C-alpha atoms as a PDB file:
ATOM      1  CA  MET A   1      51.323  -1.865 -16.830  1.00  0.00           C
ATOM      2  CA  PRO A   2      47.797  -2.482 -17.195  1.00  0.00           C
ATOM      3  CA  LEU A   3      45.558  -0.004 -19.030  1.00  0.00           C
ATOM      4  CA  PRO A   4      42.830   1.879 -16.865  1.00  0.00           C
ATOM      5  CA  PRO A   5      39.611   0.475 -17.040  1.00  0.00           C
ATOM      6  CA  SER A   6      37.138   2.606 -19.816  1.00  0.00           C
ATOM      7  CA  PRO A   7      35.392   5.153 -18.385  1.00  0.00           C
ATOM      8  CA  ALA A   8      31.660   4.045 -18.440  1.00  0.00           C
ATOM      9  CA  PRO A   9      28.978   5.652 -21.137  1.00  0.00           C
ATOM     10  CA  ALA A  10      27.225   8.528 -20.346  1.00  0.00           C
ATOM     11  CA  LYS A  11      23.278   7.633 -19.880  1.00  0.00           C
ATOM     12  CA  PRO A  12      21.436   9.522 -22.632  1.00  0.00           C
ATOM     13  CA  ARG A  13      19.347  12.313 -20.990  1.00  0.00           C
ATOM     14  CA  ALA A  14      15.732  12.100 -20.763  1.00  0.00           C
ATOM     15  CA  THR A  15      12.964  14.386 -19.218  1.00  0.00           C
ATOM     16  CA  LEU A  16      10.687  12.143 -16.982  1.00  0.00           C
ATOM     17  CA  LEU A  17       6.770  13.370 -17.018  1.00  0.00           C
ATOM     18  CA  LEU A  18       4.701  12.198 -14.180  1.00  0.00           C
ATOM     19  CA  ALA A  19       1.253  12.628 -14.177  1.00  0.00           C
ATOM     20  CA  ALA A  20      -0.534  13.792 -11.235  1.00  0.00           C
ATOM     21  CA  PRO A  21      -2.957  12.379  -9.899  1.00  0.00           C
ATOM     22  CA  ARG A  22      -1.971   9.132 -10.095  1.00  0.00           C
ATOM     23  CA  GLY A  23      -2.317   5.884  -8.245  1.00  0.00           C
ATOM     24  CA  PHE A  24      -3.860   5.091  -5.491  1.00  0.00           C
ATOM     25  CA  CYS A  25      -7.627   6.975  -5.132  1.00  0.00           C
ATOM     26  CA  ALA A  26      -9.366   7.384  -1.681  1.00  0.00           C
ATOM     27  CA  GLY A  27     -12.368   4.281  -2.556  1.00  0.00           C
ATOM     28  CA  VAL A  28      -9.199   1.681  -3.053  1.00  0.00           C
ATOM     29  CA  ARG A  29      -7.474   3.499   0.134  1.00  0.00           C
ATOM     30  CA  ARG A  30     -10.528   2.997   2.096  1.00  0.00           C
ATOM     31  CA  ALA A  31     -10.878  -0.568   0.439  1.00  0.00           C
ATOM     32  CA  ILE A  32      -7.338  -1.595   1.348  1.00  0.00           C
ATOM     33  CA  GLU A  33      -7.624  -0.015   4.948  1.00  0.00           C
ATOM     34  CA  ALA A  34     -10.666  -1.851   5.660  1.00  0.00           C
ATOM     35  CA  VAL A  35      -9.255  -5.404   5.289  1.00  0.00           C
ATOM     36  CA  ARG A  36      -6.343  -3.850   7.851  1.00  0.00           C
ATOM     37  CA  GLU A  37      -8.403  -2.702  10.026  1.00  0.00           C
ATOM     38  CA  ALA A  38     -10.420  -6.222   9.686  1.00  0.00           C
ATOM     39  CA  ILE A  39      -7.036  -8.187  10.803  1.00  0.00           C
ATOM     40  CA  ARG A  40      -6.194  -5.634  13.625  1.00  0.00           C
ATOM     41  CA  VAL A  41      -9.724  -5.895  15.249  1.00  0.00           C
ATOM     42  CA  HIS A  42     -10.456 -10.014  14.556  1.00  0.00           C
ATOM     43  CA  GLY A  43      -7.267 -11.261  13.608  1.00  0.00           C
ATOM     44  CA  PRO A  44      -6.414 -13.647  10.770  1.00  0.00           C
ATOM     45  CA  PRO A  45      -7.240 -15.108   8.807  1.00  0.00           C
ATOM     46  CA  VAL A  46      -9.541 -12.615   6.962  1.00  0.00           C
ATOM     47  CA  TYR A  47     -11.592 -13.742   3.813  1.00  0.00           C
ATOM     48  CA  VAL A  48     -11.497 -11.520   1.211  1.00  0.00           C
ATOM     49  CA  ARG A  49     -14.042 -12.312  -2.160  1.00  0.00           C
ATOM     50  CA  ARG A  50     -11.630 -11.894  -4.914  1.00  0.00           C
ATOM     51  CA  ALA A  51      -9.519  -8.907  -5.227  1.00  0.00           C
ATOM     52  CA  ILE A  52     -10.035  -6.039  -2.947  1.00  0.00           C
ATOM     53  CA  VAL A  53      -8.445  -4.090  -6.266  1.00  0.00           C
ATOM     54  CA  HIS A  54      -7.297  -4.924  -8.851  1.00  0.00           C
ATOM     55  CA  ASN A  55      -3.433  -5.038  -8.320  1.00  0.00           C
ATOM     56  CA  LEU A  56      -1.489  -8.424  -7.912  1.00  0.00           C
ATOM     57  CA  ALA A  57       1.133  -6.289  -5.958  1.00  0.00           C
ATOM     58  CA  VAL A  58      -1.778  -4.998  -3.230  1.00  0.00           C
ATOM     59  CA  VAL A  59      -3.242  -8.454  -3.044  1.00  0.00           C
ATOM     60  CA  ARG A  60       0.675 -10.226  -2.291  1.00  0.00           C
ATOM     61  CA  GLU A  61       1.075  -7.733   0.353  1.00  0.00           C
ATOM     62  CA  LEU A  62      -2.188  -8.094   2.337  1.00  0.00           C
ATOM     63  CA  GLU A  63      -2.202 -11.770   2.180  1.00  0.00           C
ATOM     64  CA  ALA A  64       1.529 -11.457   3.916  1.00  0.00           C
ATOM     65  CA  GLU A  65      -0.484  -9.644   6.549  1.00  0.00           C
ATOM     66  CA  GLY A  66      -3.138 -12.498   6.993  1.00  0.00           C
ATOM     67  CA  ALA A  67      -6.100 -12.064   4.018  1.00  0.00           C
ATOM     68  CA  VAL A  68      -6.990 -15.134   2.670  1.00  0.00           C
ATOM     69  CA  PHE A  69      -7.905 -14.128  -0.986  1.00  0.00           C
ATOM     70  CA  VAL A  70     -11.378 -16.809  -2.183  1.00  0.00           C
ATOM     71  CA  GLU A  71     -13.220 -16.366  -5.755  1.00  0.00           C
ATOM     72  CA  GLU A  72     -16.577 -17.134  -3.568  1.00  0.00           C
ATOM     73  CA  ALA A  73     -18.186 -17.010  -0.511  1.00  0.00           C
ATOM     74  CA  ARG A  74     -18.905 -19.605   0.037  1.00  0.00           C
ATOM     75  CA  GLU A  75     -15.237 -20.867   0.245  1.00  0.00           C
ATOM     76  CA  ALA A  76     -15.092 -18.971   3.546  1.00  0.00           C
ATOM     77  CA  PRO A  77     -15.533 -21.062   7.014  1.00  0.00           C
ATOM     78  CA  PRO A  78     -18.618 -20.915   8.794  1.00  0.00           C
ATOM     79  CA  GLY A  79     -18.203 -18.156  11.574  1.00  0.00           C
ATOM     80  CA  ALA A  80     -15.083 -16.442   9.432  1.00  0.00           C
ATOM     81  CA  VAL A  81     -15.042 -12.673   8.407  1.00  0.00           C
ATOM     82  CA  LEU A  82     -15.062 -11.770   5.082  1.00  0.00           C
ATOM     83  CA  ILE A  83     -14.669  -8.335   3.151  1.00  0.00           C
ATOM     84  CA  LEU A  84     -16.662  -7.264  -0.291  1.00  0.00           C
ATOM     85  CA  SER A  85     -14.086  -5.698  -2.482  1.00  0.00           C
ATOM     86  CA  ALA A  86     -13.968  -2.137  -3.931  1.00  0.00           C
ATOM     87  CA  HIS A  87     -15.870  -3.416  -7.052  1.00  0.00           C
ATOM     88  CA  GLY A  88     -19.403  -4.203  -5.253  1.00  0.00           C
ATOM     89  CA  VAL A  89     -21.339  -7.453  -5.637  1.00  0.00           C
ATOM     90  CA  ARG A  90     -24.571  -8.003  -6.077  1.00  0.00           C
ATOM     91  CA  PRO A  91     -26.895  -8.167  -3.278  1.00  0.00           C
ATOM     92  CA  GLU A  92     -27.944 -11.863  -3.055  1.00  0.00           C
ATOM     93  CA  ILE A  93     -23.864 -12.675  -2.879  1.00  0.00           C
ATOM     94  CA  ALA A  94     -23.860 -10.395   0.517  1.00  0.00           C
ATOM     95  CA  ALA A  95     -27.291 -11.621   2.073  1.00  0.00           C
ATOM     96  CA  ASP A  96     -26.202 -15.508   1.306  1.00  0.00           C
ATOM     97  CA  ALA A  97     -23.275 -14.848   3.328  1.00  0.00           C
ATOM     98  CA  ARG A  98     -24.227 -13.537   6.340  1.00  0.00           C
ATOM     99  CA  GLY A  99     -27.352 -16.846   6.179  1.00  0.00           C
ATOM    100  CA  ARG A 100     -24.135 -19.113   6.335  1.00  0.00           C
ATOM    101  CA  GLY A 101     -23.003 -16.964   9.687  1.00  0.00           C
ATOM    102  CA  LEU A 102     -20.294 -14.933   8.343  1.00  0.00           C
ATOM    103  CA  LYS A 103     -19.508 -11.087   9.653  1.00  0.00           C
ATOM    104  CA  VAL A 104     -19.732  -9.307   6.324  1.00  0.00           C
ATOM    105  CA  TYR A 105     -18.320  -5.977   5.613  1.00  0.00           C
ATOM    106  CA  ASP A 106     -18.688  -4.029   2.227  1.00  0.00           C
ATOM    107  CA  ALA A 107     -15.930  -2.117   1.245  1.00  0.00           C
ATOM    108  CA  VAL A 108     -17.936  -1.043  -2.167  1.00  0.00           C
ATOM    109  CA  CYS A 109     -16.423   2.384  -3.102  1.00  0.00           C
ATOM    110  CA  PRO A 110     -19.233   4.885  -2.457  1.00  0.00           C
ATOM    111  CA  LEU A 111     -19.101   6.018  -6.300  1.00  0.00           C
ATOM    112  CA  VAL A 112     -19.972   2.724  -7.052  1.00  0.00           C
ATOM    113  CA  ALA A 113     -22.503   2.321  -4.748  1.00  0.00           C
ATOM    114  CA  LYS A 114     -24.416   5.706  -6.262  1.00  0.00           C
ATOM    115  CA  VAL A 115     -24.458   3.718  -9.327  1.00  0.00           C
ATOM    116  CA  HIS A 116     -26.218   1.200  -8.043  1.00  0.00           C
ATOM    117  CA  ARG A 117     -28.769   3.165  -6.359  1.00  0.00           C
ATOM    118  CA  GLU A 118     -29.467   4.823  -9.520  1.00  0.00           C
ATOM    119  CA  VAL A 119     -29.992   2.098 -11.361  1.00  0.00           C
ATOM    120  CA  ALA A 120     -32.449   0.667  -8.859  1.00  0.00           C
ATOM    121  CA  ARG A 121     -34.339   3.976  -8.490  1.00  0.00           C
ATOM    122  CA  HIS A 122     -34.793   4.246 -12.480  1.00  0.00           C
ATOM    123  CA  HIS A 123     -35.815   0.420 -12.601  1.00  0.00           C
ATOM    124  CA  ARG A 124     -38.520   1.125 -10.061  1.00  0.00           C
ATOM    125  CA  ALA A 125     -39.569   4.376 -11.931  1.00  0.00           C
ATOM    126  CA  GLY A 126     -40.541   2.514 -14.883  1.00  0.00           C
ATOM    127  CA  ARG A 127     -37.340   3.160 -17.371  1.00  0.00           C
ATOM    128  CA  ALA A 128     -35.446   1.037 -19.695  1.00  0.00           C
ATOM    129  CA  VAL A 129     -32.184   1.309 -17.562  1.00  0.00           C
ATOM    130  CA  VAL A 130     -29.289   1.280 -20.201  1.00  0.00           C
ATOM    131  CA  LEU A 131     -25.782   0.709 -18.346  1.00  0.00           C
ATOM    132  CA  ILE A 132     -22.594   2.028 -19.963  1.00  0.00           C
ATOM    133  CA  GLY A 133     -19.533  -0.035 -19.246  1.00  0.00           C
ATOM    134  CA  HIS A 134     -17.717  -3.503 -20.178  1.00  0.00           C
ATOM    135  CA  ARG A 135     -19.299  -6.702 -20.209  1.00  0.00           C
ATOM    136  CA  GLY A 136     -18.191  -9.080 -17.592  1.00  0.00           C
ATOM    137  CA  HIS A 137     -16.204  -6.547 -15.364  1.00  0.00           C
ATOM    138  CA  PRO A 138     -16.733  -6.792 -11.529  1.00  0.00           C
ATOM    139  CA  GLU A 139     -18.914  -3.695 -11.244  1.00  0.00           C
ATOM    140  CA  ILE A 140     -20.578  -4.011 -14.368  1.00  0.00           C
ATOM    141  CA  GLU A 141     -21.996  -7.436 -12.517  1.00  0.00           C
ATOM    142  CA  GLY A 142     -22.260  -6.138  -9.003  1.00  0.00           C
ATOM    143  CA  THR A 143     -24.731  -3.562 -10.659  1.00  0.00           C
ATOM    144  CA  LEU A 144     -26.779  -5.606 -12.821  1.00  0.00           C
ATOM    145  CA  GLY A 145     -28.226  -7.253  -9.466  1.00  0.00           C
ATOM    146  CA  PHE A 146     -29.940  -3.853  -8.047  1.00  0.00           C
ATOM    147  CA  ALA A 147     -32.984  -4.846 -10.816  1.00  0.00           C
ATOM    148  CA  PRO A 148     -34.009  -8.296 -11.747  1.00  0.00           C
ATOM    149  CA  GLU A 149     -32.770 -10.472 -14.666  1.00  0.00           C
ATOM    150  CA  GLY A 150     -32.800  -8.730 -17.660  1.00  0.00           C
ATOM    151  CA  ALA A 151     -33.899  -5.422 -16.612  1.00  0.00           C
ATOM    152  CA  VAL A 152     -30.390  -3.291 -17.567  1.00  0.00           C
ATOM    153  CA  ARG A 153     -29.228  -3.849 -21.000  1.00  0.00           C
ATOM    154  CA  VAL A 154     -24.951  -3.262 -21.374  1.00  0.00           C
ATOM    155  CA  ILE A 155     -23.615  -1.304 -24.048  1.00  0.00           C
ATOM    156  CA  GLY A 156     -19.455  -0.959 -24.218  1.00  0.00           C
ATOM    157  CA  GLY A 157     -20.031   1.490 -27.682  1.00  0.00           C
ATOM    158  CA  VAL A 158     -21.819   3.621 -29.952  1.00  0.00           C
ATOM    159  CA  GLU A 159     -22.720   1.235 -32.406  1.00  0.00           C
ATOM    160  CA  GLU A 160     -24.490  -0.300 -29.862  1.00  0.00           C
ATOM    161  CA  VAL A 161     -27.026   2.098 -29.248  1.00  0.00           C
ATOM    162  CA  ALA A 162     -28.849   1.672 -32.254  1.00  0.00           C
ATOM    163  CA  ALA A 163     -29.512  -2.103 -31.484  1.00  0.00           C
ATOM    164  CA  LEU A 164     -30.623  -1.341 -28.269  1.00  0.00           C
ATOM    165  CA  GLY A 165     -34.237  -2.726 -28.851  1.00  0.00           C
ATOM    166  CA  ILE A 166     -35.938   0.243 -27.107  1.00  0.00           C
ATOM    167  CA  GLY A 167     -38.980   2.315 -28.205  1.00  0.00           C
ATOM    168  CA  ARG A 168     -37.843   6.133 -29.065  1.00  0.00           C
ATOM    169  CA  ASP A 169     -40.585   7.432 -26.914  1.00  0.00           C
ATOM    170  CA  ARG A 170     -40.094   4.960 -23.766  1.00  0.00           C
ATOM    171  CA  PRO A 171     -38.533   6.584 -20.855  1.00  0.00           C
ATOM    172  CA  VAL A 172     -34.748   5.988 -20.446  1.00  0.00           C
ATOM    173  CA  ALA A 173     -31.906   6.329 -18.287  1.00  0.00           C
ATOM    174  CA  TYR A 174     -28.541   5.789 -17.756  1.00  0.00           C
ATOM    175  CA  ALA A 175     -25.865   4.910 -15.510  1.00  0.00           C
ATOM    176  CA  VAL A 176     -21.669   4.821 -16.363  1.00  0.00           C
ATOM    177  CA  GLN A 177     -19.026   2.197 -15.392  1.00  0.00           C
ATOM    178  CA  THR A 178     -17.004   4.247 -12.567  1.00  0.00           C
ATOM    179  CA  THR A 179     -13.887   3.725 -14.553  1.00  0.00           C
ATOM    180  CA  PHE A 180     -15.428   3.791 -18.333  1.00  0.00           C
ATOM    181  CA  ALA A 181     -13.252   6.103 -20.746  1.00  0.00           C
ATOM    182  CA  VAL A 182     -14.312   9.780 -19.962  1.00  0.00           C
ATOM    183  CA  SER A 183     -14.254  10.257 -23.960  1.00  0.00           C
ATOM    184  CA  GLU A 184     -16.066   7.408 -24.677  1.00  0.00           C
ATOM    185  CA  ALA A 185     -18.191   7.992 -22.592  1.00  0.00           C
ATOM    186  CA  GLU A 186     -19.118  11.187 -23.778  1.00  0.00           C
ATOM    187  CA  ARG A 187     -19.633   9.999 -27.382  1.00  0.00           C
ATOM    188  CA  ILE A 188     -22.049   7.091 -26.347  1.00  0.00           C
ATOM    189  CA  VAL A 189     -24.453   9.798 -23.883  1.00  0.00           C
ATOM    190  CA  ALA A 190     -24.900  12.191 -27.033  1.00  0.00           C
ATOM    191  CA  ALA A 191     -25.698   9.098 -29.496  1.00  0.00           C
ATOM    192  CA  LEU A 192     -28.334   8.474 -26.366  1.00  0.00           C
ATOM    193  CA  ARG A 193     -30.005  11.412 -26.197  1.00  0.00           C
ATOM    194  CA  ALA A 194     -30.076  11.891 -29.897  1.00  0.00           C
ATOM    195  CA  ARG A 195     -32.458   8.657 -30.205  1.00  0.00           C
ATOM    196  CA  PHE A 196     -34.507   8.850 -26.743  1.00  0.00           C
ATOM    197  CA  ALA A 197     -36.755  11.931 -26.184  1.00  0.00           C
ATOM    198  CA  ASP A 198     -37.108  11.116 -22.395  1.00  0.00           C
ATOM    199  CA  LEU A 199     -33.448  10.070 -20.927  1.00  0.00           C
ATOM    200  CA  ALA A 200     -33.133  10.888 -17.491  1.00  0.00           C
ATOM    201  CA  GLU A 201     -28.838  11.226 -16.835  1.00  0.00           C
ATOM    202  CA  PRO A 202     -27.090  10.944 -13.409  1.00  0.00           C
ATOM    203  CA  PRO A 203     -27.237  13.824 -11.353  1.00  0.00           C
ATOM    204  CA  SER A 204     -23.844  14.227 -11.100  1.00  0.00           C
ATOM    205  CA  GLY A 205     -21.386  12.188 -13.242  1.00  0.00           C
ATOM    206  CA  ASP A 206     -20.989   8.626 -12.612  1.00  0.00           C
ATOM    207  CA  ILE A 207     -17.334   8.032 -13.646  1.00  0.00           C
ATOM    208  CA  CYS A 208     -15.545   8.501 -10.753  1.00  0.00           C
ATOM    209  CA  TYR A 209     -13.260  11.750 -10.010  1.00  0.00           C
ATOM    210  CA  ALA A 210     -10.043   9.796  -9.843  1.00  0.00           C
ATOM    211  CA  THR A 211     -10.665   8.409 -13.288  1.00  0.00           C
ATOM    212  CA  THR A 212     -11.041  11.686 -14.824  1.00  0.00           C
ATOM    213  CA  ASN A 213      -8.277  13.039 -13.388  1.00  0.00           C
ATOM    214  CA  ARG A 214      -5.755  10.270 -14.284  1.00  0.00           C
ATOM    215  CA  GLN A 215      -6.974  10.099 -17.521  1.00  0.00           C
ATOM    216  CA  ALA A 216      -6.823  14.301 -18.058  1.00  0.00           C
ATOM    217  CA  ALA A 217      -3.516  13.512 -16.091  1.00  0.00           C
ATOM    218  CA  VAL A 218      -2.118  10.694 -19.118  1.00  0.00           C
ATOM    219  CA  GLU A 219      -3.689  13.220 -21.770  1.00  0.00           C
ATOM    220  CA  ALA A 220      -1.302  16.311 -20.957  1.00  0.00           C
ATOM    221  CA  ILE A 221       1.506  13.920 -20.357  1.00  0.00           C
ATOM    222  CA  ALA A 222       1.127  11.983 -23.428  1.00  0.00           C
ATOM    223  CA  ALA A 223       0.850  15.057 -26.236  1.00  0.00           C
ATOM    224  CA  ARG A 224       4.421  15.963 -24.821  1.00  0.00           C
ATOM    225  CA  ALA A 225       6.083  11.825 -24.573  1.00  0.00           C
ATOM    226  CA  GLU A 226       7.578  10.316 -27.619  1.00  0.00           C
ATOM    227  CA  ALA A 227       7.302   7.119 -25.217  1.00  0.00           C
ATOM    228  CA  VAL A 228       4.372   6.337 -22.463  1.00  0.00           C
ATOM    229  CA  ILE A 229       4.526   3.869 -19.644  1.00  0.00           C
ATOM    230  CA  VAL A 230       1.513   3.316 -18.224  1.00  0.00           C
ATOM    231  CA  VAL A 231       2.062   1.158 -14.028  1.00  0.00           C
ATOM    232  CA  GLY A 232      -0.735  -0.981 -13.430  1.00  0.00           C
ATOM    233  CA  GLU A 233      -2.480  -4.632 -14.123  1.00  0.00           C
ATOM    234  CA  ASP A 234      -4.082  -5.695 -17.817  1.00  0.00           C
ATOM    235  CA  PHE A 235      -6.923  -6.562 -16.013  1.00  0.00           C
ATOM    236  CA  SER A 236      -7.263  -3.470 -14.286  1.00  0.00           C
ATOM    237  CA  SER A 237     -10.182  -1.770 -16.312  1.00  0.00           C
ATOM    238  CA  ASN A 238      -8.885   1.423 -15.474  1.00  0.00           C
ATOM    239  CA  ALA A 239      -5.072   0.949 -16.052  1.00  0.00           C
ATOM    240  CA  ARG A 240      -6.134  -0.081 -20.212  1.00  0.00           C
ATOM    241  CA  ARG A 241      -8.341   2.629 -20.289  1.00  0.00           C
ATOM    242  CA  LEU A 242      -5.425   4.736 -18.990  1.00  0.00           C
ATOM    243  CA  ALA A 243      -3.514   2.977 -21.681  1.00  0.00           C
ATOM    244  CA  GLU A 244      -6.246   3.707 -24.111  1.00  0.00           C
ATOM    245  CA  VAL A 245      -6.572   7.374 -23.814  1.00  0.00           C
ATOM    246  CA  ALA A 246      -2.132   7.977 -23.811  1.00  0.00           C
ATOM    247  CA  ALA A 247      -2.265   5.856 -27.327  1.00  0.00           C
ATOM    248  CA  ALA A 248      -4.897   8.405 -28.797  1.00  0.00           C
ATOM    249  CA  ASP A 249      -1.461  10.916 -28.295  1.00  0.00           C
ATOM    250  CA  CYS A 250       1.869   8.809 -28.352  1.00  0.00           C
ATOM    251  CA  ARG A 251       2.777   6.440 -30.722  1.00  0.00           C
ATOM    252  CA  SER A 252       4.839   4.194 -27.722  1.00  0.00           C
ATOM    253  CA  VAL A 253       2.227   3.190 -24.971  1.00  0.00           C
ATOM    254  CA  GLN A 254       3.137  -0.082 -22.922  1.00  0.00           C
ATOM    255  CA  LEU A 255       0.548  -1.124 -19.964  1.00  0.00           C
ATOM    256  CA  VAL A 256       3.133  -3.004 -17.148  1.00  0.00           C
ATOM    257  CA  ALA A 257       2.457  -4.525 -13.227  1.00  0.00           C
ATOM    258  CA  GLY A 258       5.884  -3.579 -12.547  1.00  0.00           C
ATOM    259  CA  ALA A 259       9.384  -2.499 -13.681  1.00  0.00           C
ATOM    260  CA  GLU A 260      10.580  -6.134 -14.841  1.00  0.00           C
ATOM    261  CA  ALA A 261       7.901  -5.776 -17.385  1.00  0.00           C
ATOM    262  CA  ILE A 262       9.315  -2.754 -19.338  1.00  0.00           C
ATOM    263  CA  ASP A 263      10.073  -3.566 -22.469  1.00  0.00           C
ATOM    264  CA  TRP A 264      13.268  -1.382 -23.220  1.00  0.00           C
ATOM    265  CA  GLY A 265      12.448  -1.392 -26.746  1.00  0.00           C
ATOM    266  CA  ARG A 266       9.858   0.984 -26.640  1.00  0.00           C
ATOM    267  CA  VAL A 267      11.395   3.332 -24.719  1.00  0.00           C
ATOM    268  CA  VAL A 268      15.219   3.583 -25.971  1.00  0.00           C
ATOM    269  CA  GLY A 269      16.099   6.490 -27.615  1.00  0.00           C
ATOM    270  CA  ALA A 270      12.906   8.959 -26.260  1.00  0.00           C
ATOM    271  CA  GLU A 271      13.854  11.993 -24.671  1.00  0.00           C
ATOM    272  CA  VAL A 272      10.767  12.532 -23.177  1.00  0.00           C
ATOM    273  CA  ILE A 273       9.173   9.973 -21.290  1.00  0.00           C
ATOM    274  CA  GLY A 274       5.412  10.241 -19.774  1.00  0.00           C
ATOM    275  CA  LEU A 275       5.204   8.324 -16.824  1.00  0.00           C
ATOM    276  CA  THR A 276       1.410   7.127 -14.720  1.00  0.00           C
ATOM    277  CA  ALA A 277      -0.129   4.522 -12.623  1.00  0.00           C
ATOM    278  CA  ALA A 278      -3.630   2.976 -12.452  1.00  0.00           C
ATOM    279  CA  ALA A 279      -5.893   4.197  -9.462  1.00  0.00           C
ATOM    280  CA  SER A 280      -5.330   0.449  -7.753  1.00  0.00           C
ATOM    281  CA  THR A 281      -1.585   0.669  -8.474  1.00  0.00           C
ATOM    282  CA  PRO A 282       0.712   1.393  -5.354  1.00  0.00           C
ATOM    283  CA  GLU A 283       3.162   4.576  -5.614  1.00  0.00           C
ATOM    284  CA  SER A 284       5.803   1.893  -4.325  1.00  0.00           C
ATOM    285  CA  SER A 285       5.381  -0.016  -7.996  1.00  0.00           C
ATOM    286  CA  VAL A 286       5.917   3.718  -9.303  1.00  0.00           C
ATOM    287  CA  ALA A 287       9.120   4.096  -7.497  1.00  0.00           C
ATOM    288  CA  GLU A 288      10.428   0.661  -8.886  1.00  0.00           C
ATOM    289  CA  VAL A 289       9.431   1.756 -12.227  1.00  0.00           C
ATOM    290  CA  VAL A 290      10.836   5.354 -11.777  1.00  0.00           C
ATOM    291  CA  ALA A 291      14.346   4.069 -10.182  1.00  0.00           C
ATOM    292  CA  ALA A 292      14.608   1.446 -13.229  1.00  0.00           C
ATOM    293  CA  LEU A 293      14.140   4.062 -15.723  1.00  0.00           C
ATOM    294  CA  GLY A 294      16.949   6.110 -13.660  1.00  0.00           C
ATOM    295  CA  GLY A 295      19.242   3.378 -14.275  1.00  0.00           C
ATOM    296  CA  ARG A 296      19.208   4.072 -17.832  1.00  0.00           C
ATOM    297  CA  PHE A 297      18.912   7.674 -18.696  1.00  0.00           C
ATOM    298  CA  ALA A 298      19.574  10.553 -16.658  1.00  0.00           C
ATOM    299  CA  LEU A 299      16.298  12.061 -15.777  1.00  0.00           C
ATOM    300  CA  GLU A 300      15.235  15.020 -15.141  1.00  0.00           C
ATOM    301  CA  VAL A 301      11.903  14.617 -13.171  1.00  0.00           C
ATOM    302  CA  GLU A 302       9.018  17.650 -14.243  1.00  0.00           C
ATOM    303  CA  GLU A 303       5.204  16.926 -12.573  1.00  0.00           C
ATOM    304  CA  VAL A 304       2.493  17.246 -14.692  1.00  0.00           C
ATOM    305  CA  GLU A 305      -0.837  18.478 -12.377  1.00  0.00           C
ATOM    306  CA  ALA A 306      -3.676  18.157 -14.038  1.00  0.00           C
ATOM    307  CA  ALA A 307      -5.824  17.987 -10.371  1.00  0.00           C
ATOM    308  CA  ARG A 308      -5.527  18.105  -7.181  1.00  0.00           C
ATOM    309  CA  GLU A 309      -7.873  15.530  -5.234  1.00  0.00           C
ATOM    310  CA  THR A 310      -9.010  15.922  -1.637  1.00  0.00           C
ATOM    311  CA  MET A 311     -11.513  13.643  -1.901  1.00  0.00           C
ATOM    312  CA  VAL A 312     -11.694  11.446   1.337  1.00  0.00           C
ATOM    313  CA  PHE A 313     -14.065   8.542   2.656  1.00  0.00           C
ATOM    314  CA  ARG A 314     -15.638   7.332   5.722  1.00  0.00           C
ATOM    315  CA  PRO A 315     -13.737   4.232   6.271  1.00  0.00           C
ATOM    316  CA  VAL A 316     -15.808   0.844   6.188  1.00  0.00           C
ATOM    317  CA  ALA A 317     -17.120   0.292  10.143  1.00  0.00           C
ATOM    318  CA  ILE A 318     -15.180  -2.288  11.548  1.00  0.00           C
ATOM    319  CA  GLY A 319     -16.029  -4.158  14.385  1.00  0.00           C
ATOM    320  CA  GLY A 320     -18.750  -1.397  14.961  1.00  0.00           C
ATOM    321  CA  ALA A 321     -16.256   1.532  14.546  1.00  0.00           C
ATOM    322  CA  ALA A 322     -14.731   3.728  12.158  1.00  0.00           C
ATOM    323  CA  ARG A 323     -11.583   6.041  12.144  1.00  0.00           C
ATOM    324  CA  ALA A 324     -10.435   8.019  10.287  1.00  0.00           C
ATOM    325  CA  LEU A 325      -8.108   7.541   6.968  1.00  0.00           C
ATOM    326  CA  PRO A 326      -4.599   8.883   6.869  1.00  0.00           C
END
């Protein structure tokens, strides 16, 4: 008589701390909806200059619906519909595209546009402008276009303040990349205040509410977790910042685009696991990671809420009309 099959070993128990808020912010939802609405109104194809947001899953989904992503606006044929990404672009890019006969919709996040206005205003007022952010990031590159070449100095760390080459008595202003690390920005701003006697500051913080809230939420879970997973792309600034913030309190932190990229060796044995997602990451990617964790652990899920978000932006007017976002 054959022996009965051995019972499957019981899965280890683990508490899953889900950060809240996580995932899409209002600016990301607005930009994605702009592409979908343009496809609905104008029909495919709708061209998008670079990634509308920094997430490949979102890009692939929009491609399947009729979006065509191009590196530069000149790749779109004359008369085509072109969407500019949420990160913002230099004014001349939009002007050149319109000059080529393209129908252009700008999906720049309103909070990024606020930084653009601040930089332009401070330059007109005769102040030296310091932009705190990551050189080469699309948001920084776009913001630099709102003042003449060389008028804005970009710094990414406290050690760069002393090397700015600006006289201590000269009027100075600063602005901050919206996805920059909150704690690092605070240190840089403190150094600027100590160095310059006349320093103009933003009337309200430049780092966006979503960045601030998601960093606070991951900080809360990292303090309790033995392993933290951040769901997002490694080329996403806000995703990398979340991983950096988590690493200050948790020794095992990994940034993954999806469940297939999880390094299980860094999770095995953990009894408390933290999970969050970047502002450009869809909730479907988070659900896949939760399902993968559930396949290996008997999970008890706890949502850790750092803030409740109610922010809503007016949609991009497509075809002359705007409608409320869900």
